[in-house]
Every structure is written in structure tokens, then in C-alpha cells.
PDB file of N, CA and C in Angstrom:
ATOM      1  N   MET A   1       3.741  -5.247  -6.055  1.00  0.00           N
ATOM      2  CA  MET A   1       4.861  -5.004  -5.190  1.00  0.00           C
ATOM      3  C   MET A   1       6.146  -5.450  -5.875  1.00  0.00           C
ATOM      4  N   VAL A   2       6.138  -6.612  -6.479  1.00  0.00           N
ATOM      5  CA  VAL A   2       7.330  -7.091  -7.172  1.00  0.00           C
ATOM      6  C   VAL A   2       7.694  -6.143  -8.304  1.00  0.00           C
ATOM      7  N   ALA A   3       6.678  -5.641  -8.991  1.00  0.00           N
ATOM      8  CA  ALA A   3       6.943  -4.708 -10.090  1.00  0.00           C
ATOM      9  C   ALA A   3       7.623  -3.449  -9.575  1.00  0.00           C
ATOM     10  N   SER A   4       7.233  -2.984  -8.398  1.00  0.00           N
ATOM     11  CA  SER A   4       7.869  -1.782  -7.866  1.00  0.00           C
ATOM     12  C   SER A   4       9.320  -2.051  -7.499  1.00  0.00           C
ATOM     13  N   LEU A   5       9.607  -3.267  -7.053  1.00  0.00           N
ATOM     14  CA  LEU A   5      10.994  -3.617  -6.747  1.00  0.00           C
ATOM     15  C   LEU A   5      11.821  -3.713  -8.019  1.00  0.00           C
ATOM     16  N   LEU A   6      11.278  -4.356  -9.041  1.00  0.00           N
ATOM     17  CA  LEU A   6      12.002  -4.516 -10.286  1.00  0.00           C
ATOM     18  C   LEU A   6      12.185  -3.194 -11.015  1.00  0.00           C
ATOM     19  N   ALA A   7      11.220  -2.312 -10.877  1.00  0.00           N
ATOM     20  CA  ALA A   7      11.309  -1.014 -11.556  1.00  0.00           C
ATOM     21  C   ALA A   7      12.468  -0.187 -11.024  1.00  0.00           C
ATOM     22  N   ARG A   8      12.884  -0.454  -9.797  1.00  0.00           N
ATOM     23  CA  ARG A   8      13.968   0.308  -9.202  1.00  0.00           C
ATOM     24  C   ARG A   8      15.341  -0.278  -9.496  1.00  0.00           C
ATOM     25  N   CYS A   9      15.408  -1.467 -10.042  1.00  0.00           N
ATOM     26  CA  CYS A   9      16.697  -2.079 -10.351  1.00  0.00           C
ATOM     27  C   CYS A   9      17.442  -1.240 -11.379  1.00  0.00           C
ATOM     28  N   GLY A  10      18.670  -0.891 -11.067  1.00  0.00           N
ATOM     29  CA  GLY A  10      19.497  -0.172 -12.017  1.00  0.00           C
ATOM     30  C   GLY A  10      19.301   1.325 -12.041  1.00  0.00           C
ATOM     31  N   THR A  11      18.483   1.897 -11.163  1.00  0.00           N
ATOM     32  CA  THR A  11      18.316   3.349 -11.157  1.00  0.00           C
ATOM     33  C   THR A  11      19.255   3.956 -10.133  1.00  0.00           C
ATOM     34  N   ASP A  12      19.670   5.178 -10.375  1.00  0.00           N
ATOM     35  CA  ASP A  12      20.505   5.899  -9.418  1.00  0.00           C
ATOM     36  C   ASP A  12      19.600   6.544  -8.388  1.00  0.00           C
ATOM     37  N   GLU A  13      19.869   6.273  -7.125  1.00  0.00           N
ATOM     38  CA  GLU A  13      19.079   6.856  -6.045  1.00  0.00           C
ATOM     39  C   GLU A  13      19.214   8.377  -6.083  1.00  0.00           C
ATOM     40  N   GLY A  14      18.097   9.072  -5.972  1.00  0.00           N
ATOM     41  CA  GLY A  14      18.114  10.523  -5.872  1.00  0.00           C
ATOM     42  C   GLY A  14      18.166  11.266  -7.198  1.00  0.00           C
ATOM     43  N   THR A  15      18.471  10.592  -8.293  1.00  0.00           N
ATOM     44  CA  THR A  15      18.547  11.305  -9.555  1.00  0.00           C
ATOM     45  C   THR A  15      17.275  11.163 -10.378  1.00  0.00           C
ATOM     46  N   SER A  16      16.502  10.167 -10.112  1.00  0.00           N
ATOM     47  CA  SER A  16      15.283   9.927 -10.863  1.00  0.00           C
ATOM     48  C   SER A  16      14.082  10.438 -10.087  1.00  0.00           C
ATOM     49  N   LYS A  17      13.161  11.093 -10.774  1.00  0.00           N
ATOM     50  CA  LYS A  17      11.938  11.563 -10.129  1.00  0.00           C
ATOM     51  C   LYS A  17      11.115  10.390  -9.609  1.00  0.00           C
ATOM     52  N   ALA A  18      11.183   9.246 -10.293  1.00  0.00           N
ATOM     53  CA  ALA A  18      10.402   8.077  -9.891  1.00  0.00           C
ATOM     54  C   ALA A  18      10.793   7.596  -8.502  1.00  0.00           C
ATOM     55  N   THR A  19      12.041   7.756  -8.104  1.00  0.00           N
ATOM     56  CA  THR A  19      12.456   7.294  -6.783  1.00  0.00           C
ATOM     57  C   THR A  19      11.936   8.201  -5.682  1.00  0.00           C
ATOM     58  N   LYS A  20      11.543   9.419  -6.006  1.00  0.00           N
ATOM     59  CA  LYS A  20      11.021  10.341  -5.006  1.00  0.00           C
ATOM     60  C   LYS A  20       9.521  10.156  -4.802  1.00  0.00           C
ATOM     61  N   ASP A  21       8.823   9.622  -5.781  1.00  0.00           N
ATOM     62  CA  ASP A  21       7.393   9.383  -5.660  1.00  0.00           C
ATOM     63  C   ASP A  21       7.158   8.112  -4.852  1.00  0.00           C
ATOM     64  N   THR A  22       6.038   8.081  -4.148  1.00  0.00           N
ATOM     65  CA  THR A  22       5.691   6.882  -3.403  1.00  0.00           C
ATOM     66  C   THR A  22       4.421   6.276  -3.970  1.00  0.00           C
ATOM     67  N   LEU A  23       4.334   4.992  -3.831  1.00  0.00           N
ATOM     68  CA  LEU A  23       3.173   4.237  -4.262  1.00  0.00           C
ATOM     69  C   LEU A  23       2.347   3.941  -3.029  1.00  0.00           C
ATOM     70  N   THR A  24       1.048   4.167  -3.074  1.00  0.00           N
ATOM     71  CA  THR A  24       0.184   3.846  -1.949  1.00  0.00           C
ATOM     72  C   THR A  24      -0.366   2.442  -2.130  1.00  0.00           C
ATOM     73  N   ILE A  25      -0.163   1.605  -1.120  1.00  0.00           N
ATOM     74  CA  ILE A  25      -0.628   0.223  -1.143  1.00  0.00           C
ATOM     75  C   ILE A  25      -1.600   0.034   0.004  1.00  0.00           C
ATOM     76  N   TYR A  26      -2.783  -0.489  -0.307  1.00  0.00           N
ATOM     77  CA  TYR A  26      -3.799  -0.761   0.699  1.00  0.00           C
ATOM     78  C   TYR A  26      -3.788  -2.249   1.011  1.00  0.00           C
ATOM     79  N   THR A  27      -3.770  -2.566   2.301  1.00  0.00           N
ATOM     80  CA  THR A  27      -3.762  -3.960   2.728  1.00  0.00           C
ATOM     81  C   THR A  27      -4.956  -4.230   3.630  1.00  0.00           C
ATOM     82  N   THR A  28      -5.124  -5.478   3.957  1.00  0.00           N
ATOM     83  CA  THR A  28      -6.222  -5.847   4.846  1.00  0.00           C
ATOM     84  C   THR A  28      -5.683  -6.111   6.241  1.00  0.00           C
ATOM     85  N   ILE A  29      -5.045  -7.223   6.450  1.00  0.00           N
ATOM     86  CA  ILE A  29      -4.608  -7.590   7.795  1.00  0.00           C
ATOM     87  C   ILE A  29      -3.217  -7.031   8.100  1.00  0.00           C
ATOM     88  N   PHE A  30      -2.925  -6.865   9.396  1.00  0.00           N
ATOM     89  CA  PHE A  30      -1.670  -6.252   9.807  1.00  0.00           C
ATOM     90  C   PHE A  30      -0.426  -6.992   9.313  1.00  0.00           C
ATOM     91  N   PRO A  31      -0.395  -8.332   9.332  1.00  0.00           N
ATOM     92  CA  PRO A  31       0.826  -8.991   8.839  1.00  0.00           C
ATOM     93  C   PRO A  31       1.182  -8.598   7.401  1.00  0.00           C
ATOM     94  N   LEU A  32       0.198  -8.409   6.544  1.00  0.00           N
ATOM     95  CA  LEU A  32       0.467  -7.963   5.178  1.00  0.00           C
ATOM     96  C   LEU A  32       0.998  -6.533   5.167  1.00  0.00           C
ATOM     97  N   GLU A  33       0.404  -5.685   5.978  1.00  0.00           N
ATOM     98  CA  GLU A  33       0.854  -4.297   6.075  1.00  0.00           C
ATOM     99  C   GLU A  33       2.309  -4.243   6.542  1.00  0.00           C
ATOM    100  N   ASP A  34       2.636  -5.016   7.562  1.00  0.00           N
ATOM    101  CA  ASP A  34       3.997  -5.047   8.089  1.00  0.00           C
ATOM    102  C   ASP A  34       4.980  -5.605   7.068  1.00  0.00           C
ATOM    103  N   PHE A  35       4.579  -6.657   6.357  1.00  0.00           N
ATOM    104  CA  PHE A  35       5.424  -7.281   5.342  1.00  0.00           C
ATOM    105  C   PHE A  35       5.781  -6.280   4.238  1.00  0.00           C
ATOM    106  N   VAL A  36       4.786  -5.553   3.749  1.00  0.00           N
ATOM    107  CA  VAL A  36       5.017  -4.580   2.683  1.00  0.00           C
ATOM    108  C   VAL A  36       5.940  -3.462   3.172  1.00  0.00           C
ATOM    109  N   LYS A  37       5.737  -2.993   4.398  1.00  0.00           N
ATOM    110  CA  LYS A  37       6.594  -1.942   4.948  1.00  0.00           C
ATOM    111  C   LYS A  37       8.045  -2.401   5.032  1.00  0.00           C
ATOM    112  N   LYS A  38       8.252  -3.658   5.417  1.00  0.00           N
ATOM    113  CA  LYS A  38       9.613  -4.173   5.566  1.00  0.00           C
ATOM    114  C   LYS A  38      10.284  -4.415   4.218  1.00  0.00           C
ATOM    115  N   ILE A  39       9.527  -4.794   3.220  1.00  0.00           N
ATOM    116  CA  ILE A  39      10.094  -5.085   1.905  1.00  0.00           C
ATOM    117  C   ILE A  39      10.416  -3.805   1.140  1.00  0.00           C
ATOM    118  N   ASP A  40       9.495  -2.870   1.110  1.00  0.00           N
ATOM    119  CA  ASP A  40       9.650  -1.693   0.244  1.00  0.00           C
ATOM    120  C   ASP A  40       9.238  -0.404   0.956  1.00  0.00           C
ATOM    121  N   GLY A  41       9.459  -0.343   2.249  1.00  0.00           N
ATOM    122  CA  GLY A  41       8.960   0.755   3.070  1.00  0.00           C
ATOM    123  C   GLY A  41       9.413   2.148   2.695  1.00  0.00           C
ATOM    124  N   ASP A  42      10.591   2.286   2.072  1.00  0.00           N
ATOM    125  CA  ASP A  42      11.077   3.609   1.714  1.00  0.00           C
ATOM    126  C   ASP A  42      10.382   4.179   0.480  1.00  0.00           C
ATOM    127  N   PHE A  43       9.742   3.333  -0.280  1.00  0.00           N
ATOM    128  CA  PHE A  43       9.159   3.767  -1.554  1.00  0.00           C
ATOM    129  C   PHE A  43       7.638   3.659  -1.603  1.00  0.00           C
ATOM    130  N   VAL A  44       7.033   3.138  -0.538  1.00  0.00           N
ATOM    131  CA  VAL A  44       5.585   2.967  -0.532  1.00  0.00           C
ATOM    132  C   VAL A  44       4.983   3.568   0.730  1.00  0.00           C
ATOM    133  N   GLU A  45       3.730   3.941   0.604  1.00  0.00           N
ATOM    134  CA  GLU A  45       2.930   4.337   1.752  1.00  0.00           C
ATOM    135  C   GLU A  45       1.903   3.226   1.932  1.00  0.00           C
ATOM    136  N   VAL A  46       1.933   2.565   3.072  1.00  0.00           N
ATOM    137  CA  VAL A  46       1.070   1.415   3.313  1.00  0.00           C
ATOM    138  C   VAL A  46      -0.071   1.837   4.226  1.00  0.00           C
ATOM    139  N   LYS A  47      -1.284   1.514   3.798  1.00  0.00           N
ATOM    140  CA  LYS A  47      -2.476   1.829   4.582  1.00  0.00           C
ATOM    141  C   LYS A  47      -3.339   0.585   4.692  1.00  0.00           C
ATOM    142  N   SER A  48      -3.997   0.447   5.830  1.00  0.00           N
ATOM    143  CA  SER A  48      -4.926  -0.655   6.030  1.00  0.00           C
ATOM    144  C   SER A  48      -6.340  -0.175   5.722  1.00  0.00           C
ATOM    145  N   ILE A  49      -7.125  -1.041   5.108  1.00  0.00           N
ATOM    146  CA  ILE A  49      -8.514  -0.654   4.833  1.00  0.00           C
ATOM    147  C   ILE A  49      -9.395  -0.859   6.061  1.00  0.00           C
ATOM    148  N   PHE A  50      -8.862  -1.564   7.072  1.00  0.00           N
ATOM    149  CA  PHE A  50      -9.613  -1.780   8.303  1.00  0.00           C
ATOM    150  C   PHE A  50      -9.360  -0.631   9.267  1.00  0.00           C
ATOM    151  N   PRO A  51     -10.412  -0.138   9.920  1.00  0.00           N
ATOM    152  CA  PRO A  51     -10.205   0.869  10.960  1.00  0.00           C
ATOM    153  C   PRO A  51      -9.463   0.242  12.152  1.00  0.00           C
ATOM    154  N   PRO A  52      -8.759   1.032  12.946  1.00  0.00           N
ATOM    155  CA  PRO A  52      -8.047   0.474  14.107  1.00  0.00           C
ATOM    156  C   PRO A  52      -8.999  -0.234  15.070  1.00  0.00           C
ATOM    157  N   GLY A  53      -8.555  -1.371  15.583  1.00  0.00           N
ATOM    158  CA  GLY A  53      -9.329  -2.111  16.577  1.00  0.00           C
ATOM    159  C   GLY A  53     -10.450  -2.975  16.035  1.00  0.00           C
ATOM    160  N   VAL A  54     -10.542  -3.138  14.731  1.00  0.00           N
ATOM    161  CA  VAL A  54     -11.624  -3.912  14.126  1.00  0.00           C
ATOM    162  C   VAL A  54     -11.191  -5.370  13.966  1.00  0.00           C
ATOM    163  N   ASP A  55     -12.106  -6.289  14.248  1.00  0.00           N
ATOM    164  CA  ASP A  55     -11.847  -7.707  14.021  1.00  0.00           C
ATOM    165  C   ASP A  55     -11.994  -7.978  12.522  1.00  0.00           C
ATOM    166  N   ALA A  56     -10.927  -8.413  11.884  1.00  0.00           N
ATOM    167  CA  ALA A  56     -10.923  -8.635  10.435  1.00  0.00           C
ATOM    168  C   ALA A  56     -11.933  -9.691   9.997  1.00  0.00           C
ATOM    169  N   HIS A  57     -12.273 -10.605  10.891  1.00  0.00           N
ATOM    170  CA  HIS A  57     -13.224 -11.664  10.534  1.00  0.00           C
ATOM    171  C   HIS A  57     -14.668 -11.195  10.560  1.00  0.00           C
ATOM    172  N   LYS A  58     -14.935 -10.110  11.267  1.00  0.00           N
ATOM    173  CA  LYS A  58     -16.311  -9.632  11.408  1.00  0.00           C
ATOM    174  C   LYS A  58     -16.564  -8.310  10.694  1.00  0.00           C
ATOM    175  N   TYR A  59     -15.518  -7.703  10.173  1.00  0.00           N
ATOM    176  CA  TYR A  59     -15.648  -6.388   9.552  1.00  0.00           C
ATOM    177  C   TYR A  59     -16.407  -6.468   8.237  1.00  0.00           C
ATOM    178  N   GLU A  60     -17.379  -5.589   8.080  1.00  0.00           N
ATOM    179  CA  GLU A  60     -18.118  -5.468   6.830  1.00  0.00           C
ATOM    180  C   GLU A  60     -18.095  -4.002   6.413  1.00  0.00           C
ATOM    181  N   PRO A  61     -17.384  -3.693   5.330  1.00  0.00           N
ATOM    182  CA  PRO A  61     -17.306  -2.299   4.904  1.00  0.00           C
ATOM    183  C   PRO A  61     -18.661  -1.783   4.426  1.00  0.00           C
ATOM    184  N   THR A  62     -18.875  -0.504   4.632  1.00  0.00           N
ATOM    185  CA  THR A  62     -20.112   0.114   4.156  1.00  0.00           C
ATOM    186  C   THR A  62     -20.016   0.311   2.642  1.00  0.00           C
ATOM    187  N   ALA A  63     -21.134   0.620   2.027  1.00  0.00           N
ATOM    188  CA  ALA A  63     -21.148   0.889   0.586  1.00  0.00           C
ATOM    189  C   ALA A  63     -20.251   2.082   0.254  1.00  0.00           C
ATOM    190  N   LYS A  64     -20.230   3.091   1.115  1.00  0.00           N
ATOM    191  CA  LYS A  64     -19.393   4.270   0.893  1.00  0.00           C
ATOM    192  C   LYS A  64     -17.912   3.897   0.900  1.00  0.00           C
ATOM    193  N   ILE A  65     -17.500   3.064   1.820  1.00  0.00           N
ATOM    194  CA  ILE A  65     -16.100   2.637   1.883  1.00  0.00           C
ATOM    195  C   ILE A  65     -15.724   1.867   0.621  1.00  0.00           C
ATOM    196  N   MET A  66     -16.602   1.011   0.154  1.00  0.00           N
ATOM    197  CA  MET A  66     -16.330   0.250  -1.066  1.00  0.00           C
ATOM    198  C   MET A  66     -16.192   1.182  -2.271  1.00  0.00           C
ATOM    199  N   VAL A  67     -17.034   2.200  -2.351  1.00  0.00           N
ATOM    200  CA  VAL A  67     -16.953   3.175  -3.441  1.00  0.00           C
ATOM    201  C   VAL A  67     -15.644   3.950  -3.341  1.00  0.00           C
ATOM    202  N   ASP A  68     -15.256   4.348  -2.139  1.00  0.00           N
ATOM    203  CA  ASP A  68     -13.999   5.079  -1.943  1.00  0.00           C
ATOM    204  C   ASP A  68     -12.797   4.235  -2.364  1.00  0.00           C
ATOM    205  N   ILE A  69     -12.804   2.957  -2.026  1.00  0.00           N
ATOM    206  CA  ILE A  69     -11.705   2.056  -2.431  1.00  0.00           C
ATOM    207  C   ILE A  69     -11.686   1.918  -3.939  1.00  0.00           C
ATOM    208  N   GLU A  70     -12.837   1.795  -4.546  1.00  0.00           N
ATOM    209  CA  GLU A  70     -12.916   1.679  -6.008  1.00  0.00           C
ATOM    210  C   GLU A  70     -12.331   2.918  -6.682  1.00  0.00           C
ATOM    211  N   LYS A  71     -12.622   4.092  -6.126  1.00  0.00           N
ATOM    212  CA  LYS A  71     -12.085   5.335  -6.702  1.00  0.00           C
ATOM    213  C   LYS A  71     -10.566   5.370  -6.601  1.00  0.00           C
ATOM    214  N   LEU A  72     -10.025   4.814  -5.535  1.00  0.00           N
ATOM    215  CA  LEU A  72      -8.566   4.794  -5.362  1.00  0.00           C
ATOM    216  C   LEU A  72      -7.887   3.888  -6.376  1.00  0.00           C
ATOM    217  N   LEU A  73      -8.597   2.905  -6.865  1.00  0.00           N
ATOM    218  CA  LEU A  73      -8.019   1.950  -7.806  1.00  0.00           C
ATOM    219  C   LEU A  73      -7.984   2.485  -9.242  1.00  0.00           C
ATOM    220  N   HIS A  74      -8.714   3.564  -9.486  1.00  0.00           N
ATOM    221  CA  HIS A  74      -8.762   4.090 -10.858  1.00  0.00           C
ATOM    222  C   HIS A  74      -8.174   5.444 -10.958  1.00  0.00           C
TER     223      HIS A  74
END
């Protein structure tokens, strides 16, 4: 996240293709999701890995979900 903020220092808004692209950031708990949206919301797409209504303390992702997250990282 800090790197995305620093990468934008000194660029002209609207003239660089990089400013039009968004970075997808996956978070776990809602406070992290909200924090990222408030810090860099215009340049990132924030998604939670938890389904809506799930207790973060009891959630156990399936093997398929773990594989899908791994694919997103590469």
C-alpha cells in the first residue's frame, strides 16, 4: 500500500496510464478494508476474502478458496 502511494508522488493526474489502472487489494477484516479504502480508495479496488456475514474468528476457507487466492497472487 505504501508503495502504491509513493509511486504516485510527482505524477500528473490523468496523463499517466498508471493512474488509470487500479490495484486489487484483498483484506481479511472490515477495519482493514475500510482503512485501505480511505487511504487510497481512488486507485485501488478493495475486496474482502471473507464472505458477507461470516465470523472472522471461526471462518475456515476451503481448499478451493485457498487455491483461488494463490492464483490471484501470481
